[in-house]
Amino acid sequence: MLAKLSPSDMSKVKNIPITANVSGSFQKPSVSTDLKQASTNLANQLAQMEKEKLLNKGKDMLGGLLGNNAVPTDTTKVKEETKLDPVKSVIKGILKKKNNN
């Protein structure tokens, strides 16, 4: 999964905490790390990122299939213009008659 990440995706990966356990005495300290938990956290982050990518891609594809990406048209504006056109043409006709006389 790490090899498939783009640079922008890599920057989205949050800090990965690594637990360090210190035990023993001051003269002989023992340090151990829990890399299993760190790798589990990283895998969960990568899975969440991939899940979000796929969900967004699926929403875009579904929206395209349903036609949600079309530009909405204002039907009321078209209706108002068609109502005014006959009135305008009558007024223009009257004004032309007055100008000709």
PDB file of N, CA and C in Angstrom:
ATOM      1  N   MET A   1       0.818  -1.196   0.000  1.00  0.00           N
ATOM      2  CA  MET A   1       0.000   0.000   0.000  1.00  0.00           C
ATOM      3  C   MET A   1       0.864   1.263   0.000  1.00  0.00           C
ATOM      4  N   LEU A   2       1.978   1.226   0.656  1.00  0.00           N
ATOM      5  CA  LEU A   2       2.829   2.414   0.726  1.00  0.00           C
ATOM      6  C   LEU A   2       3.395   2.785  -0.638  1.00  0.00           C
ATOM      7  N   ALA A   3       3.678   1.784  -1.467  1.00  0.00           N
ATOM      8  CA  ALA A   3       4.260   2.052  -2.780  1.00  0.00           C
ATOM      9  C   ALA A   3       3.264   2.760  -3.697  1.00  0.00           C
ATOM     10  N   LYS A   4       1.977   2.577  -3.479  1.00  0.00           N
ATOM     11  CA  LYS A   4       0.945   3.172  -4.326  1.00  0.00           C
ATOM     12  C   LYS A   4       0.625   4.622  -3.961  1.00  0.00           C
ATOM     13  N   LEU A   5       1.145   5.118  -2.836  1.00  0.00           N
ATOM     14  CA  LEU A   5       0.814   6.464  -2.389  1.00  0.00           C
ATOM     15  C   LEU A   5       1.498   7.529  -3.235  1.00  0.00           C
ATOM     16  N   SER A   6       0.758   8.557  -3.543  1.00  0.00           N
ATOM     17  CA  SER A   6       1.330   9.712  -4.234  1.00  0.00           C
ATOM     18  C   SER A   6       1.956  10.624  -3.180  1.00  0.00           C
ATOM     19  N   PRO A   7       2.798  11.567  -3.600  1.00  0.00           N
ATOM     20  CA  PRO A   7       3.399  12.475  -2.608  1.00  0.00           C
ATOM     21  C   PRO A   7       2.365  13.254  -1.804  1.00  0.00           C
ATOM     22  N   SER A   8       1.262  13.645  -2.433  1.00  0.00           N
ATOM     23  CA  SER A   8       0.232  14.373  -1.683  1.00  0.00           C
ATOM     24  C   SER A   8      -0.435  13.464  -0.655  1.00  0.00           C
ATOM     25  N   ASP A   9      -0.596  12.185  -0.999  1.00  0.00           N
ATOM     26  CA  ASP A   9      -1.178  11.238  -0.043  1.00  0.00           C
ATOM     27  C   ASP A   9      -0.224  10.977   1.114  1.00  0.00           C
ATOM     28  N   MET A  10       1.064  10.939   0.815  1.00  0.00           N
ATOM     29  CA  MET A  10       2.040  10.696   1.873  1.00  0.00           C
ATOM     30  C   MET A  10       2.039  11.830   2.887  1.00  0.00           C
ATOM     31  N   SER A  11       1.792  13.039   2.410  1.00  0.00           N
ATOM     32  CA  SER A  11       1.764  14.169   3.337  1.00  0.00           C
ATOM     33  C   SER A  11       0.545  14.130   4.243  1.00  0.00           C
ATOM     34  N   LYS A  12      -0.489  13.411   3.831  1.00  0.00           N
ATOM     35  CA  LYS A  12      -1.703  13.299   4.644  1.00  0.00           C
ATOM     36  C   LYS A  12      -1.565  12.282   5.769  1.00  0.00           C
ATOM     37  N   VAL A  13      -0.560  11.405   5.673  1.00  0.00           N
ATOM     38  CA  VAL A  13      -0.370  10.401   6.715  1.00  0.00           C
ATOM     39  C   VAL A  13       0.042  11.120   7.981  1.00  0.00           C
ATOM     40  N   LYS A  14      -0.707  10.892   9.024  1.00  0.00           N
ATOM     41  CA  LYS A  14      -0.447  11.555  10.300  1.00  0.00           C
ATOM     42  C   LYS A  14       0.733  10.898  11.008  1.00  0.00           C
ATOM     43  N   ASN A  15       1.116  11.464  12.112  1.00  0.00           N
ATOM     44  CA  ASN A  15       2.200  10.891  12.904  1.00  0.00           C
ATOM     45  C   ASN A  15       1.834   9.479  13.329  1.00  0.00           C
ATOM     46  N   ILE A  16       2.837   8.636  13.347  1.00  0.00           N
ATOM     47  CA  ILE A  16       2.621   7.252  13.749  1.00  0.00           C
ATOM     48  C   ILE A  16       3.303   7.059  15.098  1.00  0.00           C
ATOM     49  N   PRO A  17       2.521   6.933  16.152  1.00  0.00           N
ATOM     50  CA  PRO A  17       3.150   6.778  17.473  1.00  0.00           C
ATOM     51  C   PRO A  17       3.773   5.392  17.634  1.00  0.00           C
ATOM     52  N   ILE A  18       4.955   5.380  18.177  1.00  0.00           N
ATOM     53  CA  ILE A  18       5.639   4.121  18.488  1.00  0.00           C
ATOM     54  C   ILE A  18       5.845   4.093  19.989  1.00  0.00           C
ATOM     55  N   THR A  19       5.325   3.079  20.612  1.00  0.00           N
ATOM     56  CA  THR A  19       5.412   2.937  22.061  1.00  0.00           C
ATOM     57  C   THR A  19       6.767   2.356  22.423  1.00  0.00           C
ATOM     58  N   ALA A  20       7.450   3.024  23.343  1.00  0.00           N
ATOM     59  CA  ALA A  20       8.733   2.534  23.838  1.00  0.00           C
ATOM     60  C   ALA A  20       8.579   2.193  25.311  1.00  0.00           C
ATOM     61  N   ASN A  21       8.934   0.991  25.651  1.00  0.00           N
ATOM     62  CA  ASN A  21       8.863   0.538  27.037  1.00  0.00           C
ATOM     63  C   ASN A  21      10.281   0.491  27.607  1.00  0.00           C
ATOM     64  N   VAL A  22      10.483   1.175  28.712  1.00  0.00           N
ATOM     65  CA  VAL A  22      11.780   1.181  29.379  1.00  0.00           C
ATOM     66  C   VAL A  22      11.624   0.406  30.680  1.00  0.00           C
ATOM     67  N   SER A  23      12.468  -0.570  30.855  1.00  0.00           N
ATOM     68  CA  SER A  23      12.420  -1.376  32.070  1.00  0.00           C
ATOM     69  C   SER A  23      13.850  -1.668  32.530  1.00  0.00           C
ATOM     70  N   GLY A  24      13.992  -2.321  33.627  1.00  0.00           N
ATOM     71  CA  GLY A  24      15.313  -2.659  34.166  1.00  0.00           C
ATOM     72  C   GLY A  24      15.770  -1.626  35.169  1.00  0.00           C
ATOM     73  N   SER A  25      17.009  -1.724  35.536  1.00  0.00           N
ATOM     74  CA  SER A  25      17.573  -0.799  36.521  1.00  0.00           C
ATOM     75  C   SER A  25      18.314   0.319  35.810  1.00  0.00           C
ATOM     76  N   PHE A  26      18.798   1.304  36.604  1.00  0.00           N
ATOM     77  CA  PHE A  26      19.555   2.401  36.023  1.00  0.00           C
ATOM     78  C   PHE A  26      20.865   1.909  35.420  1.00  0.00           C
ATOM     79  N   GLN A  27      21.410   0.873  35.975  1.00  0.00           N
ATOM     80  CA  GLN A  27      22.697   0.362  35.502  1.00  0.00           C
ATOM     81  C   GLN A  27      22.522  -0.522  34.272  1.00  0.00           C
ATOM     82  N   LYS A  28      21.402  -1.187  34.163  1.00  0.00           N
ATOM     83  CA  LYS A  28      21.128  -2.063  33.011  1.00  0.00           C
ATOM     84  C   LYS A  28      19.707  -1.798  32.504  1.00  0.00           C
ATOM     85  N   PRO A  29      19.499  -0.654  31.820  1.00  0.00           N
ATOM     86  CA  PRO A  29      18.149  -0.387  31.309  1.00  0.00           C
ATOM     87  C   PRO A  29      17.849  -1.256  30.084  1.00  0.00           C
ATOM     88  N   SER A  30      16.573  -1.533  29.911  1.00  0.00           N
ATOM     89  CA  SER A  30      16.119  -2.325  28.764  1.00  0.00           C
ATOM     90  C   SER A  30      15.025  -1.532  28.052  1.00  0.00           C
ATOM     91  N   VAL A  31      15.215  -1.292  26.769  1.00  0.00           N
ATOM     92  CA  VAL A  31      14.248  -0.535  25.981  1.00  0.00           C
ATOM     93  C   VAL A  31      13.665  -1.459  24.923  1.00  0.00           C
ATOM     94  N   SER A  32      12.353  -1.477  24.834  1.00  0.00           N
ATOM     95  CA  SER A  32      11.687  -2.279  23.793  1.00  0.00           C
ATOM     96  C   SER A  32      10.602  -1.419  23.141  1.00  0.00           C
ATOM     97  N   THR A  33      10.339  -1.684  21.890  1.00  0.00           N
ATOM     98  CA  THR A  33       9.316  -0.927  21.158  1.00  0.00           C
ATOM     99  C   THR A  33       8.202  -1.856  20.721  1.00  0.00           C
ATOM    100  N   ASP A  34       7.039  -1.259  20.538  1.00  0.00           N
ATOM    101  CA  ASP A  34       5.869  -2.021  20.087  1.00  0.00           C
ATOM    102  C   ASP A  34       5.593  -1.633  18.632  1.00  0.00           C
ATOM    103  N   LEU A  35       6.323  -2.215  17.705  1.00  0.00           N
ATOM    104  CA  LEU A  35       6.160  -1.900  16.289  1.00  0.00           C
ATOM    105  C   LEU A  35       4.884  -2.500  15.714  1.00  0.00           C
ATOM    106  N   LYS A  36       4.353  -3.520  16.358  1.00  0.00           N
ATOM    107  CA  LYS A  36       3.105  -4.122  15.883  1.00  0.00           C
ATOM    108  C   LYS A  36       1.972  -3.101  15.955  1.00  0.00           C
ATOM    109  N   GLN A  37       1.878  -2.391  17.070  1.00  0.00           N
ATOM    110  CA  GLN A  37       0.833  -1.378  17.215  1.00  0.00           C
ATOM    111  C   GLN A  37       1.055  -0.234  16.233  1.00  0.00           C
ATOM    112  N   ALA A  38       2.309   0.158  16.001  1.00  0.00           N
ATOM    113  CA  ALA A  38       2.613   1.235  15.059  1.00  0.00           C
ATOM    114  C   ALA A  38       2.210   0.850  13.642  1.00  0.00           C
ATOM    115  N   SER A  39       2.509  -0.372  13.253  1.00  0.00           N
ATOM    116  CA  SER A  39       2.137  -0.812  11.907  1.00  0.00           C
ATOM    117  C   SER A  39       0.622  -0.946  11.768  1.00  0.00           C
ATOM    118  N   THR A  40      -0.068  -1.313  12.833  1.00  0.00           N
ATOM    119  CA  THR A  40      -1.527  -1.387  12.816  1.00  0.00           C
ATOM    120  C   THR A  40      -2.123   0.009  12.642  1.00  0.00           C
ATOM    121  N   ASN A  41      -1.571   1.003  13.345  1.00  0.00           N
ATOM    122  CA  ASN A  41      -2.049   2.380  13.206  1.00  0.00           C
ATOM    123  C   ASN A  41      -1.843   2.891  11.777  1.00  0.00           C
ATOM    124  N   LEU A  42      -0.676   2.611  11.210  1.00  0.00           N
ATOM    125  CA  LEU A  42      -0.387   3.042   9.848  1.00  0.00           C
ATOM    126  C   LEU A  42      -1.335   2.375   8.853  1.00  0.00           C
ATOM    127  N   ALA A  43      -1.558   1.089   9.015  1.00  0.00           N
ATOM    128  CA  ALA A  43      -2.464   0.372   8.118  1.00  0.00           C
ATOM    129  C   ALA A  43      -3.886   0.927   8.218  1.00  0.00           C
ATOM    130  N   ASN A  44      -4.319   1.263   9.426  1.00  0.00           N
ATOM    131  CA  ASN A  44      -5.658   1.839   9.604  1.00  0.00           C
ATOM    132  C   ASN A  44      -5.775   3.192   8.919  1.00  0.00           C
ATOM    133  N   GLN A  45      -4.736   4.026   9.043  1.00  0.00           N
ATOM    134  CA  GLN A  45      -4.749   5.337   8.383  1.00  0.00           C
ATOM    135  C   GLN A  45      -4.810   5.183   6.869  1.00  0.00           C
ATOM    136  N   LEU A  46      -4.003   4.278   6.321  1.00  0.00           N
ATOM    137  CA  LEU A  46      -3.987   4.067   4.874  1.00  0.00           C
ATOM    138  C   LEU A  46      -5.317   3.507   4.380  1.00  0.00           C
ATOM    139  N   ALA A  47      -5.899   2.604   5.150  1.00  0.00           N
ATOM    140  CA  ALA A  47      -7.194   2.041   4.763  1.00  0.00           C
ATOM    141  C   ALA A  47      -8.274   3.124   4.776  1.00  0.00           C
ATOM    142  N   GLN A  48      -8.235   4.012   5.752  1.00  0.00           N
ATOM    143  CA  GLN A  48      -9.217   5.095   5.836  1.00  0.00           C
ATOM    144  C   GLN A  48      -9.062   6.041   4.648  1.00  0.00           C
ATOM    145  N   MET A  49      -7.820   6.372   4.274  1.00  0.00           N
ATOM    146  CA  MET A  49      -7.579   7.251   3.132  1.00  0.00           C
ATOM    147  C   MET A  49      -8.091   6.613   1.837  1.00  0.00           C
ATOM    148  N   GLU A  50      -7.825   5.338   1.659  1.00  0.00           N
ATOM    149  CA  GLU A  50      -8.274   4.634   0.453  1.00  0.00           C
ATOM    150  C   GLU A  50      -9.799   4.560   0.417  1.00  0.00           C
ATOM    151  N   LYS A  51     -10.408   4.340   1.565  1.00  0.00           N
ATOM    152  CA  LYS A  51     -11.868   4.276   1.663  1.00  0.00           C
ATOM    153  C   LYS A  51     -12.479   5.612   1.243  1.00  0.00           C
ATOM    154  N   GLU A  52     -11.916   6.726   1.721  1.00  0.00           N
ATOM    155  CA  GLU A  52     -12.424   8.047   1.365  1.00  0.00           C
ATOM    156  C   GLU A  52     -12.271   8.319  -0.127  1.00  0.00           C
ATOM    157  N   LYS A  53     -11.135   7.907  -0.692  1.00  0.00           N
ATOM    158  CA  LYS A  53     -10.914   8.085  -2.136  1.00  0.00           C
ATOM    159  C   LYS A  53     -11.966   7.332  -2.941  1.00  0.00           C
ATOM    160  N   LEU A  54     -12.199   6.083  -2.567  1.00  0.00           N
ATOM    161  CA  LEU A  54     -13.158   5.263  -3.306  1.00  0.00           C
ATOM    162  C   LEU A  54     -14.583   5.784  -3.149  1.00  0.00           C
ATOM    163  N   LEU A  55     -14.919   6.268  -1.957  1.00  0.00           N
ATOM    164  CA  LEU A  55     -16.262   6.828  -1.755  1.00  0.00           C
ATOM    165  C   LEU A  55     -16.463   8.066  -2.625  1.00  0.00           C
ATOM    166  N   ASN A  56     -15.468   8.940  -2.669  1.00  0.00           N
ATOM    167  CA  ASN A  56     -15.581  10.140  -3.498  1.00  0.00           C
ATOM    168  C   ASN A  56     -15.672   9.784  -4.975  1.00  0.00           C
ATOM    169  N   LYS A  57     -14.885   8.816  -5.388  1.00  0.00           N
ATOM    170  CA  LYS A  57     -14.914   8.382  -6.790  1.00  0.00           C
ATOM    171  C   LYS A  57     -16.279   7.784  -7.129  1.00  0.00           C
ATOM    172  N   GLY A  58     -16.828   6.985  -6.216  1.00  0.00           N
ATOM    173  CA  GLY A  58     -18.141   6.380  -6.433  1.00  0.00           C
ATOM    174  C   GLY A  58     -19.249   7.427  -6.481  1.00  0.00           C
ATOM    175  N   LYS A  59     -19.155   8.442  -5.617  1.00  0.00           N
ATOM    176  CA  LYS A  59     -20.160   9.507  -5.636  1.00  0.00           C
ATOM    177  C   LYS A  59     -20.107  10.275  -6.949  1.00  0.00           C
ATOM    178  N   ASP A  60     -18.887  10.547  -7.428  1.00  0.00           N
ATOM    179  CA  ASP A  60     -18.743  11.269  -8.691  1.00  0.00           C
ATOM    180  C   ASP A  60     -19.315  10.460  -9.852  1.00  0.00           C
ATOM    181  N   MET A  61     -19.024   9.165  -9.872  1.00  0.00           N
ATOM    182  CA  MET A  61     -19.520   8.317 -10.954  1.00  0.00           C
ATOM    183  C   MET A  61     -21.040   8.206 -10.899  1.00  0.00           C
ATOM    184  N   LEU A  62     -21.588   8.048  -9.710  1.00  0.00           N
ATOM    185  CA  LEU A  62     -23.031   7.930  -9.552  1.00  0.00           C
ATOM    186  C   LEU A  62     -23.719   9.233  -9.943  1.00  0.00           C
ATOM    187  N   GLY A  63     -23.134  10.342  -9.545  1.00  0.00           N
ATOM    188  CA  GLY A  63     -23.690  11.637  -9.919  1.00  0.00           C
ATOM    189  C   GLY A  63     -23.688  11.823 -11.422  1.00  0.00           C
ATOM    190  N   GLY A  64     -22.629  11.361 -12.084  1.00  0.00           N
ATOM    191  CA  GLY A  64     -22.565  11.451 -13.538  1.00  0.00           C
ATOM    192  C   GLY A  64     -23.611  10.585 -14.207  1.00  0.00           C
ATOM    193  N   LEU A  65     -23.849   9.404 -13.652  1.00  0.00           N
ATOM    194  CA  LEU A  65     -24.851   8.507 -14.229  1.00  0.00           C
ATOM    195  C   LEU A  65     -26.266   9.049 -14.048  1.00  0.00           C
ATOM    196  N   LEU A  66     -26.491   9.693 -12.922  1.00  0.00           N
ATOM    197  CA  LEU A  66     -27.826  10.213 -12.644  1.00  0.00           C
ATOM    198  C   LEU A  66     -28.066  11.582 -13.255  1.00  0.00           C
ATOM    199  N   GLY A  67     -27.023  12.178 -13.768  1.00  0.00           N
ATOM    200  CA  GLY A  67     -27.176  13.476 -14.401  1.00  0.00           C
ATOM    201  C   GLY A  67     -27.172  14.631 -13.427  1.00  0.00           C
ATOM    202  N   ASN A  68     -26.626  14.421 -12.243  1.00  0.00           N
ATOM    203  CA  ASN A  68     -26.583  15.498 -11.251  1.00  0.00           C
ATOM    204  C   ASN A  68     -25.534  16.547 -11.588  1.00  0.00           C
ATOM    205  N   ASN A  69     -24.679  16.277 -12.546  1.00  0.00           N
ATOM    206  CA  ASN A  69     -23.633  17.231 -12.891  1.00  0.00           C
ATOM    207  C   ASN A  69     -24.092  18.248 -13.919  1.00  0.00           C
ATOM    208  N   ALA A  70     -25.325  18.138 -14.375  1.00  0.00           N
ATOM    209  CA  ALA A  70     -25.839  19.072 -15.374  1.00  0.00           C
ATOM    210  C   ALA A  70     -26.057  20.437 -14.740  1.00  0.00           C
ATOM    211  N   VAL A  71     -25.899  21.459 -15.530  1.00  0.00           N
ATOM    212  CA  VAL A  71     -26.109  22.822 -15.042  1.00  0.00           C
ATOM    213  C   VAL A  71     -27.611  23.042 -14.907  1.00  0.00           C
ATOM    214  N   PRO A  72     -28.056  23.442 -13.724  1.00  0.00           N
ATOM    215  CA  PRO A  72     -29.498  23.652 -13.536  1.00  0.00           C
ATOM    216  C   PRO A  72     -29.968  24.862 -14.338  1.00  0.00           C
ATOM    217  N   THR A  73     -31.141  24.712 -14.925  1.00  0.00           N
ATOM    218  CA  THR A  73     -31.705  25.822 -15.695  1.00  0.00           C
ATOM    219  C   THR A  73     -32.864  26.421 -14.913  1.00  0.00           C
ATOM    220  N   ASP A  74     -33.076  27.689 -15.099  1.00  0.00           N
ATOM    221  CA  ASP A  74     -34.151  28.387 -14.414  1.00  0.00           C
ATOM    222  C   ASP A  74     -35.362  28.417 -15.337  1.00  0.00           C
ATOM    223  N   THR A  75     -36.310  27.533 -15.112  1.00  0.00           N
ATOM    224  CA  THR A  75     -37.473  27.414 -15.993  1.00  0.00           C
ATOM    225  C   THR A  75     -38.418  28.587 -15.844  1.00  0.00           C
ATOM    226  N   THR A  76     -38.442  29.223 -14.689  1.00  0.00           N
ATOM    227  CA  THR A  76     -39.353  30.359 -14.510  1.00  0.00           C
ATOM    228  C   THR A  76     -38.933  31.527 -15.377  1.00  0.00           C
ATOM    229  N   LYS A  77     -37.641  31.709 -15.551  1.00  0.00           N
ATOM    230  CA  LYS A  77     -37.152  32.801 -16.372  1.00  0.00           C
ATOM    231  C   LYS A  77     -37.574  32.613 -17.828  1.00  0.00           C
ATOM    232  N   VAL A  78     -37.506  31.384 -18.303  1.00  0.00           N
ATOM    233  CA  VAL A  78     -37.899  31.096 -19.680  1.00  0.00           C
ATOM    234  C   VAL A  78     -39.386  31.354 -19.868  1.00  0.00           C
ATOM    235  N   LYS A  79     -40.186  30.954 -18.901  1.00  0.00           N
ATOM    236  CA  LYS A  79     -41.629  31.141 -19.008  1.00  0.00           C
ATOM    237  C   LYS A  79     -41.994  32.622 -19.001  1.00  0.00           C
ATOM    238  N   GLU A  80     -41.321  33.409 -18.157  1.00  0.00           N
ATOM    239  CA  GLU A  80     -41.614  34.830 -18.104  1.00  0.00           C
ATOM    240  C   GLU A  80     -41.256  35.513 -19.421  1.00  0.00           C
ATOM    241  N   GLU A  81     -40.128  35.126 -20.011  1.00  0.00           N
ATOM    242  CA  GLU A  81     -39.716  35.731 -21.271  1.00  0.00           C
ATOM    243  C   GLU A  81     -40.701  35.404 -22.389  1.00  0.00           C
ATOM    244  N   THR A  82     -41.208  34.179 -22.409  1.00  0.00           N
ATOM    245  CA  THR A  82     -42.160  33.815 -23.463  1.00  0.00           C
ATOM    246  C   THR A  82     -43.486  34.546 -23.280  1.00  0.00           C
ATOM    247  N   LYS A  83     -43.857  34.857 -22.034  1.00  0.00           N
ATOM    248  CA  LYS A  83     -45.085  35.612 -21.786  1.00  0.00           C
ATOM    249  C   LYS A  83     -44.922  37.057 -22.254  1.00  0.00           C
ATOM    250  N   LEU A  84     -43.747  37.622 -22.080  1.00  0.00           N
ATOM    251  CA  LEU A  84     -43.515  39.011 -22.430  1.00  0.00           C
ATOM    252  C   LEU A  84     -43.303  39.216 -23.935  1.00  0.00           C
ATOM    253  N   ASP A  85     -42.861  38.210 -24.644  1.00  0.00           N
ATOM    254  CA  ASP A  85     -42.585  38.355 -26.070  1.00  0.00           C
ATOM    255  C   ASP A  85     -43.804  38.799 -26.876  1.00  0.00           C
ATOM    256  N   PRO A  86     -44.974  38.206 -26.700  1.00  0.00           N
ATOM    257  CA  PRO A  86     -46.133  38.692 -27.471  1.00  0.00           C
ATOM    258  C   PRO A  86     -46.493  40.129 -27.123  1.00  0.00           C
ATOM    259  N   VAL A  87     -46.377  40.510 -25.873  1.00  0.00           N
ATOM    260  CA  VAL A  87     -46.695  41.874 -25.456  1.00  0.00           C
ATOM    261  C   VAL A  87     -45.711  42.839 -26.101  1.00  0.00           C
ATOM    262  N   LYS A  88     -44.437  42.485 -26.093  1.00  0.00           N
ATOM    263  CA  LYS A  88     -43.415  43.333 -26.710  1.00  0.00           C
ATOM    264  C   LYS A  88     -43.666  43.492 -28.203  1.00  0.00           C
ATOM    265  N   SER A  89     -44.024  42.407 -28.835  1.00  0.00           N
ATOM    266  CA  SER A  89     -44.246  42.488 -30.285  1.00  0.00           C
ATOM    267  C   SER A  89     -45.455  43.370 -30.612  1.00  0.00           C
ATOM    268  N   VAL A  90     -46.492  43.330 -29.773  1.00  0.00           N
ATOM    269  CA  VAL A  90     -47.663  44.178 -29.992  1.00  0.00           C
ATOM    270  C   VAL A  90     -47.289  45.646 -29.802  1.00  0.00           C
ATOM    271  N   ILE A  91     -46.529  45.926 -28.741  1.00  0.00           N
ATOM    272  CA  ILE A  91     -46.106  47.307 -28.482  1.00  0.00           C
ATOM    273  C   ILE A  91     -45.223  47.817 -29.611  1.00  0.00           C
ATOM    274  N   LYS A  92     -44.309  47.001 -30.062  1.00  0.00           N
ATOM    275  CA  LYS A  92     -43.445  47.400 -31.175  1.00  0.00           C
ATOM    276  C   LYS A  92     -44.267  47.672 -32.426  1.00  0.00           C
ATOM    277  N   GLY A  93     -45.265  46.853 -32.656  1.00  0.00           N
ATOM    278  CA  GLY A  93     -46.129  47.045 -33.820  1.00  0.00           C
ATOM    279  C   GLY A  93     -46.886  48.361 -33.742  1.00  0.00           C
ATOM    280  N   ILE A  94     -47.391  48.697 -32.561  1.00  0.00           N
ATOM    281  CA  ILE A  94     -48.127  49.960 -32.376  1.00  0.00           C
ATOM    282  C   ILE A  94     -47.185  51.143 -32.579  1.00  0.00           C
ATOM    283  N   LEU A  95     -45.986  51.052 -32.019  1.00  0.00           N
ATOM    284  CA  LEU A  95     -45.024  52.153 -32.150  1.00  0.00           C
ATOM    285  C   LEU A  95     -44.585  52.335 -33.601  1.00  0.00           C
ATOM    286  N   LYS A  96     -44.443  51.264 -34.332  1.00  0.00           N
ATOM    287  CA  LYS A  96     -44.051  51.376 -35.742  1.00  0.00           C
ATOM    288  C   LYS A  96     -45.164  52.043 -36.554  1.00  0.00           C
ATOM    289  N   LYS A  97     -46.411  51.709 -36.218  1.00  0.00           N
ATOM    290  CA  LYS A  97     -47.526  52.312 -36.932  1.00  0.00           C
ATOM    291  C   LYS A  97     -47.583  53.827 -36.685  1.00  0.00           C
ATOM    292  N   LYS A  98     -47.337  54.237 -35.427  1.00  0.00           N
ATOM    293  CA  LYS A  98     -47.354  55.653 -35.092  1.00  0.00           C
ATOM    294  C   LYS A  98     -46.210  56.393 -35.792  1.00  0.00           C
ATOM    295  N   ASN A  99     -45.052  55.764 -35.886  1.00  0.00           N
ATOM    296  CA  ASN A  99     -43.889  56.392 -36.536  1.00  0.00           C
ATOM    297  C   ASN A  99     -44.097  56.523 -38.048  1.00  0.00           C
ATOM    298  N   ASN A 100     -44.803  55.566 -38.636  1.00  0.00           N
ATOM    299  CA  ASN A 100     -45.031  55.589 -40.076  1.00  0.00           C
ATOM    300  C   ASN A 100     -46.095  56.655 -40.451  1.00  0.00           C
ATOM    301  N   ASN A 101     -47.009  56.939 -39.558  1.00  0.00           N
ATOM    302  CA  ASN A 101     -48.082  57.899 -39.852  1.00  0.00           C
ATOM    303  C   ASN A 101     -47.614  59.260 -39.663  1.00  0.00           C
TER     304      ASN A 101
END
